C-alpha atoms as a PDB file:
ATOM      1  CA  UNK A   1      81.566  81.054 -29.251  1.00  0.00           C
ATOM      2  CA  UNK A   2      83.387  83.247 -31.717  1.00  0.00           C
ATOM      3  CA  UNK A   3      81.305  85.883 -33.498  1.00  0.00           C
ATOM      4  CA  UNK A   4      81.794  88.557 -36.138  1.00  0.00           C
ATOM      5  CA  UNK A   5      80.163  91.898 -35.316  1.00  0.00           C
ATOM      6  CA  UNK A   6      79.350  94.597 -37.839  1.00  0.00           C
ATOM      7  CA  UNK A   7      78.737  97.673 -35.671  1.00  0.00           C
ATOM      8  CA  UNK A   8      77.619 101.158 -36.711  1.00  0.00           C
ATOM      9  CA  UNK A   9      80.275 103.695 -35.752  1.00  0.00           C
ATOM     10  CA  UNK A  10      79.651 107.451 -35.940  1.00  0.00           C
ATOM     11  CA  UNK A  11      81.751 110.026 -34.107  1.00  0.00           C
ATOM     12  CA  UNK A  12      79.035 112.653 -33.761  1.00  0.00           C
ATOM     13  CA  UNK A  13      75.654 113.902 -34.973  1.00  0.00           C
ATOM     14  CA  UNK A  14      77.130 115.610 -38.047  1.00  0.00           C
ATOM     15  CA  UNK A  15      79.754 112.966 -38.832  1.00  0.00           C
ATOM     16  CA  UNK A  16      79.377 110.340 -41.518  1.00  0.00           C
ATOM     17  CA  UNK A  17      78.901 106.882 -40.052  1.00  0.00           C
ATOM     18  CA  UNK A  18      79.733 103.419 -41.308  1.00  0.00           C
ATOM     19  CA  UNK A  19      79.704  99.781 -40.267  1.00  0.00           C
ATOM     20  CA  UNK A  20      82.964  98.506 -38.798  1.00  0.00           C
ATOM     21  CA  UNK A  21      83.823  94.860 -38.212  1.00  0.00           C
ATOM     22  CA  UNK A  22      85.019  93.419 -34.907  1.00  0.00           C
ATOM     23  CA  UNK A  23      85.653  89.938 -33.591  1.00  0.00           C
ATOM     24  CA  UNK A  24      84.013  88.771 -30.390  1.00  0.00           C
ATOM     25  CA  UNK A  25      85.993  85.788 -29.140  1.00  0.00           C
ATOM     26  CA  UNK A  26      85.282  83.217 -26.459  1.00  0.00           C
ATOM     27  CA  UNK A  27      81.770  84.539 -25.863  1.00  0.00           C
ATOM     28  CA  UNK A  28      79.905  82.738 -23.102  1.00  0.00           C
ATOM     29  CA  UNK A  29      76.366  81.628 -24.016  1.00  0.00           C
ATOM     30  CA  UNK A  30      75.275  82.833 -20.569  1.00  0.00           C
ATOM     31  CA  UNK A  31      76.287  86.432 -21.234  1.00  0.00           C
ATOM     32  CA  UNK A  32      73.787  89.079 -22.202  1.00  0.00           C
ATOM     33  CA  UNK A  33      74.304  90.957 -25.455  1.00  0.00           C
ATOM     34  CA  UNK A  34      75.441  94.045 -23.548  1.00  0.00           C
ATOM     35  CA  UNK A  35      77.941  92.017 -21.512  1.00  0.00           C
ATOM     36  CA  UNK A  36      79.350  90.699 -24.784  1.00  0.00           C
ATOM     37  CA  UNK A  37      79.724  94.303 -26.017  1.00  0.00           C
ATOM     38  CA  UNK A  38      81.449  95.170 -22.724  1.00  0.00           C
ATOM     39  CA  UNK A  39      84.124  92.569 -23.443  1.00  0.00           C
ATOM     40  CA  UNK A  40      84.534  93.767 -27.028  1.00  0.00           C
ATOM     41  CA  UNK A  41      85.023  97.283 -25.658  1.00  0.00           C
ATOM     42  CA  UNK A  42      87.639  96.032 -23.178  1.00  0.00           C
ATOM     43  CA  UNK A  43      89.631  94.623 -26.098  1.00  0.00           C
ATOM     44  CA  UNK A  44      89.240  97.865 -28.067  1.00  0.00           C
ATOM     45  CA  UNK A  45      90.469  99.938 -25.131  1.00  0.00           C
ATOM     46  CA  UNK A  46      93.460  97.645 -24.605  1.00  0.00           C
ATOM     47  CA  UNK A  47      94.415  98.098 -28.247  1.00  0.00           C
ATOM     48  CA  UNK A  48      94.134 101.890 -27.963  1.00  0.00           C
ATOM     49  CA  UNK A  49      90.889 102.252 -29.922  1.00  0.00           C
ATOM     50  CA  UNK A  50      87.666 104.061 -29.030  1.00  0.00           C
ATOM     51  CA  UNK A  51      85.098 101.769 -27.400  1.00  0.00           C
ATOM     52  CA  UNK A  52      81.654 101.351 -28.940  1.00  0.00           C
ATOM     53  CA  UNK A  53      79.281 103.898 -27.418  1.00  0.00           C
ATOM     54  CA  UNK A  54      75.899 102.474 -26.446  1.00  0.00           C
ATOM     55  CA  UNK A  55      73.146 103.337 -23.985  1.00  0.00           C
ATOM     56  CA  UNK A  56      72.387 101.237 -20.910  1.00  0.00           C
ATOM     57  CA  UNK A  57      71.214 101.698 -17.359  1.00  0.00           C
ATOM     58  CA  UNK A  58      69.284  99.130 -15.333  1.00  0.00           C
ATOM     59  CA  UNK A  59      70.155  96.051 -17.440  1.00  0.00           C
ATOM     60  CA  UNK A  60      66.934  94.490 -16.130  1.00  0.00           C
ATOM     61  CA  UNK A  61      64.585  95.220 -19.017  1.00  0.00           C
ATOM     62  CA  UNK A  62      62.971  98.189 -17.271  1.00  0.00           C
ATOM     63  CA  UNK A  63      64.716 101.437 -18.257  1.00  0.00           C
ATOM     64  CA  UNK A  64      64.331 101.183 -22.042  1.00  0.00           C
ATOM     65  CA  UNK A  65      67.799 102.599 -22.662  1.00  0.00           C
ATOM     66  CA  UNK A  66      69.466  99.791 -24.653  1.00  0.00           C
ATOM     67  CA  UNK A  67      68.149 100.927 -28.029  1.00  0.00           C
ATOM     68  CA  UNK A  68      69.859  98.775 -30.659  1.00  0.00           C
ATOM     69  CA  UNK A  69      68.747  97.184 -33.906  1.00  0.00           C
ATOM     70  CA  UNK A  70      70.248  93.694 -34.068  1.00  0.00           C
ATOM     71  CA  UNK A  71      70.193  91.929 -37.422  1.00  0.00           C
ATOM     72  CA  UNK A  72      67.515  94.307 -38.634  1.00  0.00           C
ATOM     73  CA  UNK A  73      65.167  93.934 -35.658  1.00  0.00           C
ATOM     74  CA  UNK A  74      64.840  96.307 -32.676  1.00  0.00           C
ATOM     75  CA  UNK A  75      66.194  94.555 -29.561  1.00  0.00           C
ATOM     76  CA  UNK A  76      66.946  91.441 -31.627  1.00  0.00           C
ATOM     77  CA  UNK A  77      64.911  88.460 -32.766  1.00  0.00           C
ATOM     78  CA  UNK A  78      63.537  87.272 -29.431  1.00  0.00           C
ATOM     79  CA  UNK A  79      59.959  88.313 -28.609  1.00  0.00           C
ATOM     80  CA  UNK A  80      59.329  90.630 -25.639  1.00  0.00           C
ATOM     81  CA  UNK A  81      63.038  91.017 -24.916  1.00  0.00           C
ATOM     82  CA  UNK A  82      65.258  94.053 -24.487  1.00  0.00           C
ATOM     83  CA  UNK A  83      68.902  93.986 -25.559  1.00  0.00           C
ATOM     84  CA  UNK A  84      70.075  93.565 -21.971  1.00  0.00           C
ATOM     85  CA  UNK A  85      67.815  90.493 -21.662  1.00  0.00           C
ATOM     86  CA  UNK A  86      68.970  88.988 -24.952  1.00  0.00           C
ATOM     87  CA  UNK A  87      71.424  86.194 -24.141  1.00  0.00           C
ATOM     88  CA  UNK A  88      74.179  84.969 -26.399  1.00  0.00           C
ATOM     89  CA  UNK A  89      72.785  81.440 -26.271  1.00  0.00           C
ATOM     90  CA  UNK A  90      70.329  82.675 -28.903  1.00  0.00           C
ATOM     91  CA  UNK A  91      73.216  82.897 -31.383  1.00  0.00           C
ATOM     92  CA  UNK A  92      75.480  80.247 -32.896  1.00  0.00           C
ATOM     93  CA  UNK A  93      79.236  79.942 -33.128  1.00  0.00           C
ATOM     94  CA  UNK A  94      80.479  81.735 -36.227  1.00  0.00           C
ATOM     95  CA  UNK A  95      77.428  83.972 -36.617  1.00  0.00           C
ATOM     96  CA  UNK A  96      77.729  87.414 -38.181  1.00  0.00           C
ATOM     97  CA  UNK A  97      75.723  90.023 -36.260  1.00  0.00           C
ATOM     98  CA  UNK A  98      74.803  93.496 -37.483  1.00  0.00           C
ATOM     99  CA  UNK A  99      74.299  96.109 -34.744  1.00  0.00           C
ATOM    100  CA  UNK A 100      72.837  99.526 -35.553  1.00  0.00           C
ATOM    101  CA  UNK A 101      71.112 102.401 -33.715  1.00  0.00           C
ATOM    102  CA  UNK A 102      67.423 103.316 -33.978  1.00  0.00           C
ATOM    103  CA  UNK A 103      66.684 104.802 -37.392  1.00  0.00           C
ATOM    104  CA  UNK A 104      64.139 107.631 -37.186  1.00  0.00           C
ATOM    105  CA  UNK A 105      64.130 111.335 -38.003  1.00  0.00           C
ATOM    106  CA  UNK A 106      62.984 112.105 -34.457  1.00  0.00           C
ATOM    107  CA  UNK A 107      65.888 110.048 -33.025  1.00  0.00           C
ATOM    108  CA  UNK A 108      69.073 111.762 -34.303  1.00  0.00           C
ATOM    109  CA  UNK A 109      72.230 109.734 -33.752  1.00  0.00           C
ATOM    110  CA  UNK A 110      74.541 111.209 -31.120  1.00  0.00           C
ATOM    111  CA  UNK A 111      77.386 108.724 -31.304  1.00  0.00           C
ATOM    112  CA  UNK A 112      77.681 105.130 -32.535  1.00  0.00           C
ATOM    113  CA  UNK A 113      74.624 103.308 -31.127  1.00  0.00           C
ATOM    114  CA  UNK A 114      73.355 106.217 -29.004  1.00  0.00           C
ATOM    115  CA  UNK A 115      70.381 108.239 -30.227  1.00  0.00           C
ATOM    116  CA  UNK A 116      68.656 111.304 -28.797  1.00  0.00           C
ATOM    117  CA  UNK A 117      65.225 110.127 -27.600  1.00  0.00           C
ATOM    118  CA  UNK A 118      64.229 113.415 -25.963  1.00  0.00           C
ATOM    119  CA  UNK A 119      61.360 113.672 -28.460  1.00  0.00           C
ATOM    120  CA  UNK A 120      59.575 111.055 -26.352  1.00  0.00           C
ATOM    121  CA  UNK A 121      60.085 113.252 -23.304  1.00  0.00           C
ATOM    122  CA  UNK A 122      58.494 116.160 -25.189  1.00  0.00           C
ATOM    123  CA  UNK A 123      55.372 114.074 -25.796  1.00  0.00           C
ATOM    124  CA  UNK A 124      55.150 113.168 -22.108  1.00  0.00           C
ATOM    125  CA  UNK A 125      55.757 116.740 -20.990  1.00  0.00           C
ATOM    126  CA  UNK A 126      52.908 117.963 -23.184  1.00  0.00           C
ATOM    127  CA  UNK A 127      50.290 116.059 -21.191  1.00  0.00           C
ATOM    128  CA  UNK A 128      51.280 112.588 -20.031  1.00  0.00           C
ATOM    129  CA  UNK A 129      50.359 113.288 -16.422  1.00  0.00           C
ATOM    130  CA  UNK A 130      47.497 114.428 -14.190  1.00  0.00           C
ATOM    131  CA  UNK A 131      47.744 117.862 -12.582  1.00  0.00           C
ATOM    132  CA  UNK A 132      44.662 117.636 -10.397  1.00  0.00           C
ATOM    133  CA  UNK A 133      45.157 117.851  -6.645  1.00  0.00           C
ATOM    134  CA  UNK A 134      44.946 114.369  -5.173  1.00  0.00           C
ATOM    135  CA  UNK A 135      45.672 115.161  -1.526  1.00  0.00           C
ATOM    136  CA  UNK A 136      47.105 112.387   0.593  1.00  0.00           C
ATOM    137  CA  UNK A 137      47.239 108.740  -0.362  1.00  0.00           C
ATOM    138  CA  UNK A 138      43.586 107.567  -0.444  1.00  0.00           C
ATOM    139  CA  UNK A 139      42.377 104.291   0.933  1.00  0.00           C
ATOM    140  CA  UNK A 140      42.329 101.580  -1.703  1.00  0.00           C
ATOM    141  CA  UNK A 141      38.554 101.324  -1.562  1.00  0.00           C
ATOM    142  CA  UNK A 142      37.874 105.059  -1.797  1.00  0.00           C
ATOM    143  CA  UNK A 143      37.830 104.982  -5.593  1.00  0.00           C
ATOM    144  CA  UNK A 144      36.559 101.537  -6.539  1.00  0.00           C
ATOM    145  CA  UNK A 145      37.912 100.629  -9.990  1.00  0.00           C
ATOM    146  CA  UNK A 146      36.651  97.481 -11.728  1.00  0.00           C
ATOM    147  CA  UNK A 147      39.400  94.910 -12.189  1.00  0.00           C
ATOM    148  CA  UNK A 148      39.095  94.844 -16.018  1.00  0.00           C
ATOM    149  CA  UNK A 149      39.662  98.624 -16.042  1.00  0.00           C
ATOM    150  CA  UNK A 150      42.630  98.354 -13.677  1.00  0.00           C
ATOM    151  CA  UNK A 151      44.113  95.539 -15.775  1.00  0.00           C
ATOM    152  CA  UNK A 152      43.641  97.609 -18.942  1.00  0.00           C
ATOM    153  CA  UNK A 153      45.426 100.594 -17.400  1.00  0.00           C
ATOM    154  CA  UNK A 154      48.263  98.393 -16.127  1.00  0.00           C
ATOM    155  CA  UNK A 155      48.715  96.831 -19.570  1.00  0.00           C
ATOM    156  CA  UNK A 156      49.182 100.327 -21.019  1.00  0.00           C
ATOM    157  CA  UNK A 157      51.462 101.377 -18.150  1.00  0.00           C
ATOM    158  CA  UNK A 158      53.922  98.584 -19.027  1.00  0.00           C
ATOM    159  CA  UNK A 159      55.393 100.790 -21.773  1.00  0.00           C
ATOM    160  CA  UNK A 160      59.013 101.600 -20.886  1.00  0.00           C
ATOM    161  CA  UNK A 161      59.459 104.266 -23.580  1.00  0.00           C
ATOM    162  CA  UNK A 162      62.327 102.496 -25.323  1.00  0.00           C
ATOM    163  CA  UNK A 163      61.333 103.544 -28.844  1.00  0.00           C
ATOM    164  CA  UNK A 164      61.465 100.067 -30.404  1.00  0.00           C
ATOM    165  CA  UNK A 165      57.975 100.602 -31.837  1.00  0.00           C
ATOM    166  CA  UNK A 166      59.218 103.697 -33.662  1.00  0.00           C
ATOM    167  CA  UNK A 167      62.369 101.984 -34.924  1.00  0.00           C
ATOM    168  CA  UNK A 168      60.293  99.090 -36.282  1.00  0.00           C
ATOM    169  CA  UNK A 169      57.609 101.218 -37.941  1.00  0.00           C
ATOM    170  CA  UNK A 170      58.227 101.972 -41.642  1.00  0.00           C
ATOM    171  CA  UNK A 171      56.754 105.435 -40.977  1.00  0.00           C
ATOM    172  CA  UNK A 172      58.681 106.004 -37.717  1.00  0.00           C
ATOM    173  CA  UNK A 173      55.342 106.544 -35.999  1.00  0.00           C
ATOM    174  CA  UNK A 174      55.100 107.083 -32.252  1.00  0.00           C
ATOM    175  CA  UNK A 175      51.422 106.199 -32.087  1.00  0.00           C
ATOM    176  CA  UNK A 176      51.872 103.067 -29.961  1.00  0.00           C
ATOM    177  CA  UNK A 177      53.999 104.912 -27.402  1.00  0.00           C
ATOM    178  CA  UNK A 178      51.654 107.907 -27.254  1.00  0.00           C
ATOM    179  CA  UNK A 179      48.523 105.787 -27.169  1.00  0.00           C
ATOM    180  CA  UNK A 180      49.813 103.758 -24.230  1.00  0.00           C
ATOM    181  CA  UNK A 181      50.377 106.946 -22.226  1.00  0.00           C
ATOM    182  CA  UNK A 182      46.971 108.369 -23.216  1.00  0.00           C
ATOM    183  CA  UNK A 183      45.063 105.113 -22.618  1.00  0.00           C
ATOM    184  CA  UNK A 184      46.611 104.520 -19.199  1.00  0.00           C
ATOM    185  CA  UNK A 185      45.198 107.754 -17.796  1.00  0.00           C
ATOM    186  CA  UNK A 186      42.005 107.824 -19.869  1.00  0.00           C
ATOM    187  CA  UNK A 187      40.876 104.574 -18.243  1.00  0.00           C
ATOM    188  CA  UNK A 188      41.279 105.770 -14.644  1.00  0.00           C
ATOM    189  CA  UNK A 189      39.177 108.272 -12.645  1.00  0.00           C
ATOM    190  CA  UNK A 190      42.209 110.454 -11.889  1.00  0.00           C
ATOM    191  CA  UNK A 191      42.885 110.969 -15.583  1.00  0.00           C
ATOM    192  CA  UNK A 192      39.399 111.684 -16.853  1.00  0.00           C
ATOM    193  CA  UNK A 193      39.136 115.415 -15.887  1.00  0.00           C
ATOM    194  CA  UNK A 194      41.975 116.330 -18.261  1.00  0.00           C
ATOM    195  CA  UNK A 195      41.334 113.651 -20.898  1.00  0.00           C
ATOM    196  CA  UNK A 196      40.306 116.057 -23.683  1.00  0.00           C
ATOM    197  CA  UNK A 197      43.199 118.443 -23.102  1.00  0.00           C
ATOM    198  CA  UNK A 198      45.689 115.589 -22.745  1.00  0.00           C
ATOM    199  CA  UNK A 199      44.976 113.727 -25.966  1.00  0.00           C
ATOM    200  CA  UNK A 200      45.016 116.940 -28.009  1.00  0.00           C
ATOM    201  CA  UNK A 201      48.298 118.129 -26.515  1.00  0.00           C
ATOM    202  CA  UNK A 202      50.081 114.794 -26.834  1.00  0.00           C
ATOM    203  CA  UNK A 203      48.927 114.252 -30.412  1.00  0.00           C
ATOM    204  CA  UNK A 204      50.075 117.739 -31.387  1.00  0.00           C
ATOM    205  CA  UNK A 205      53.446 117.119 -29.715  1.00  0.00           C
ATOM    206  CA  UNK A 206      53.795 113.829 -31.580  1.00  0.00           C
ATOM    207  CA  UNK A 207      53.398 115.619 -34.901  1.00  0.00           C
ATOM    208  CA  UNK A 208      55.626 118.538 -33.883  1.00  0.00           C
ATOM    209  CA  UNK A 209      58.505 116.186 -33.026  1.00  0.00           C
ATOM    210  CA  UNK A 210      58.614 114.798 -36.557  1.00  0.00           C
ATOM    211  CA  UNK A 211      57.175 111.321 -36.077  1.00  0.00           C
ATOM    212  CA  UNK A 212      55.334 109.728 -38.987  1.00  0.00           C
ATOM    213  CA  UNK A 213      51.711 108.657 -39.240  1.00  0.00           C
ATOM    214  CA  UNK A 214      50.304 105.254 -38.322  1.00  0.00           C
ATOM    215  CA  UNK A 215      49.236 103.093 -41.274  1.00  0.00           C
ATOM    216  CA  UNK A 216      48.507  99.918 -39.289  1.00  0.00           C
ATOM    217  CA  UNK A 217      51.545  97.823 -40.189  1.00  0.00           C
ATOM    218  CA  UNK A 218      51.515  96.377 -36.627  1.00  0.00           C
ATOM    219  CA  UNK A 219      55.319  96.199 -36.608  1.00  0.00           C
ATOM    220  CA  UNK A 220      55.195  98.307 -33.447  1.00  0.00           C
ATOM    221  CA  UNK A 221      53.368  95.639 -31.463  1.00  0.00           C
ATOM    222  CA  UNK A 222      55.649  92.899 -32.808  1.00  0.00           C
ATOM    223  CA  UNK A 223      58.795  94.797 -31.759  1.00  0.00           C
ATOM    224  CA  UNK A 224      57.588  96.003 -28.348  1.00  0.00           C
ATOM    225  CA  UNK A 225      59.577  94.290 -25.562  1.00  0.00           C
ATOM    226  CA  UNK A 226      56.561  94.591 -23.254  1.00  0.00           C
ATOM    227  CA  UNK A 227      53.939  93.466 -25.752  1.00  0.00           C
ATOM    228  CA  UNK A 228      51.952  96.720 -25.796  1.00  0.00           C
ATOM    229  CA  UNK A 229      48.874  96.091 -27.944  1.00  0.00           C
ATOM    230  CA  UNK A 230      47.724  98.174 -30.909  1.00  0.00           C
ATOM    231  CA  UNK A 231      44.304  98.252 -29.231  1.00  0.00           C
ATOM    232  CA  UNK A 232      45.613 101.334 -27.418  1.00  0.00           C
ATOM    233  CA  UNK A 233      46.016 103.130 -30.748  1.00  0.00           C
ATOM    234  CA  UNK A 234      42.308 102.567 -31.319  1.00  0.00           C
ATOM    235  CA  UNK A 235      41.694 103.991 -27.834  1.00  0.00           C
ATOM    236  CA  UNK A 236      43.750 107.090 -28.638  1.00  0.00           C
ATOM    237  CA  UNK A 237      41.769 107.614 -31.834  1.00  0.00           C
ATOM    238  CA  UNK A 238      38.487 107.373 -29.928  1.00  0.00           C
ATOM    239  CA  UNK A 239      39.724 109.763 -27.249  1.00  0.00           C
ATOM    240  CA  UNK A 240      40.851 112.228 -29.917  1.00  0.00           C
ATOM    241  CA  UNK A 241      37.460 112.124 -31.654  1.00  0.00           C
ATOM    242  CA  UNK A 242      35.724 112.694 -28.325  1.00  0.00           C
ATOM    243  CA  UNK A 243      37.954 115.695 -27.655  1.00  0.00           C
ATOM    244  CA  UNK A 244      36.703 117.268 -30.884  1.00  0.00           C
ATOM    245  CA  UNK A 245      33.062 117.028 -29.838  1.00  0.00           C
ATOM    246  CA  UNK A 246      31.277 119.718 -27.782  1.00  0.00           C
ATOM    247  CA  UNK A 247      31.039 118.732 -24.148  1.00  0.00           C
ATOM    248  CA  UNK A 248      28.285 119.409 -21.648  1.00  0.00           C
ATOM    249  CA  UNK A 249      30.463 122.289 -20.378  1.00  0.00           C
ATOM    250  CA  UNK A 250      30.228 124.039 -23.724  1.00  0.00           C
ATOM    251  CA  UNK A 251      33.815 123.548 -24.898  1.00  0.00           C
END
């Protein structure tokens, strides 16, 4: 296949960016989107030009690094797919493809298609963990957890922190990401002792990092490569309301 790419190029955070056009020739339908960009970069380097800067790591749909908006949709048009899992067979010969970085105030562009996603780290650092002493690894039957609860927690834990939900949201809200991290621990015994403190801290961090509010557009769920459900946002809201109520300990 031969394709025309319109790629966002920006030299640095303070530089003015623009779309530049490149030709991707003899693209194999079996290549991933990132492999296609690798070949485009090889041609750019051979011609003495700067290669397109983009994030990547595992290339197995796990790390969440390949944050690109392809033809107006985070990670492209395929459902539950990251950019590294998007294959060129999903495109047609002669297609024009627009490739841009995440667009959100909390994700400042560093260079070309690379954005600073450390705001997600700040949310996690505020409370996305359990600090209680757990001792050694307990026997699997020591803390019996009903299978529906375990399944619920695992569904939330699938979030890879890529930021597609934020890029898709018209408000640049991080509610789906934050709610997945809150819900995962709120459902399990190990996370319950710090549940009130956690949801308050993570919600405050979300606001402090400049993310927008959730207005239930559901674009976040549609764009999520792991299919994280908006039901976790409802869980976060319930946990936050509970944290505001007096507890039996007199908080």
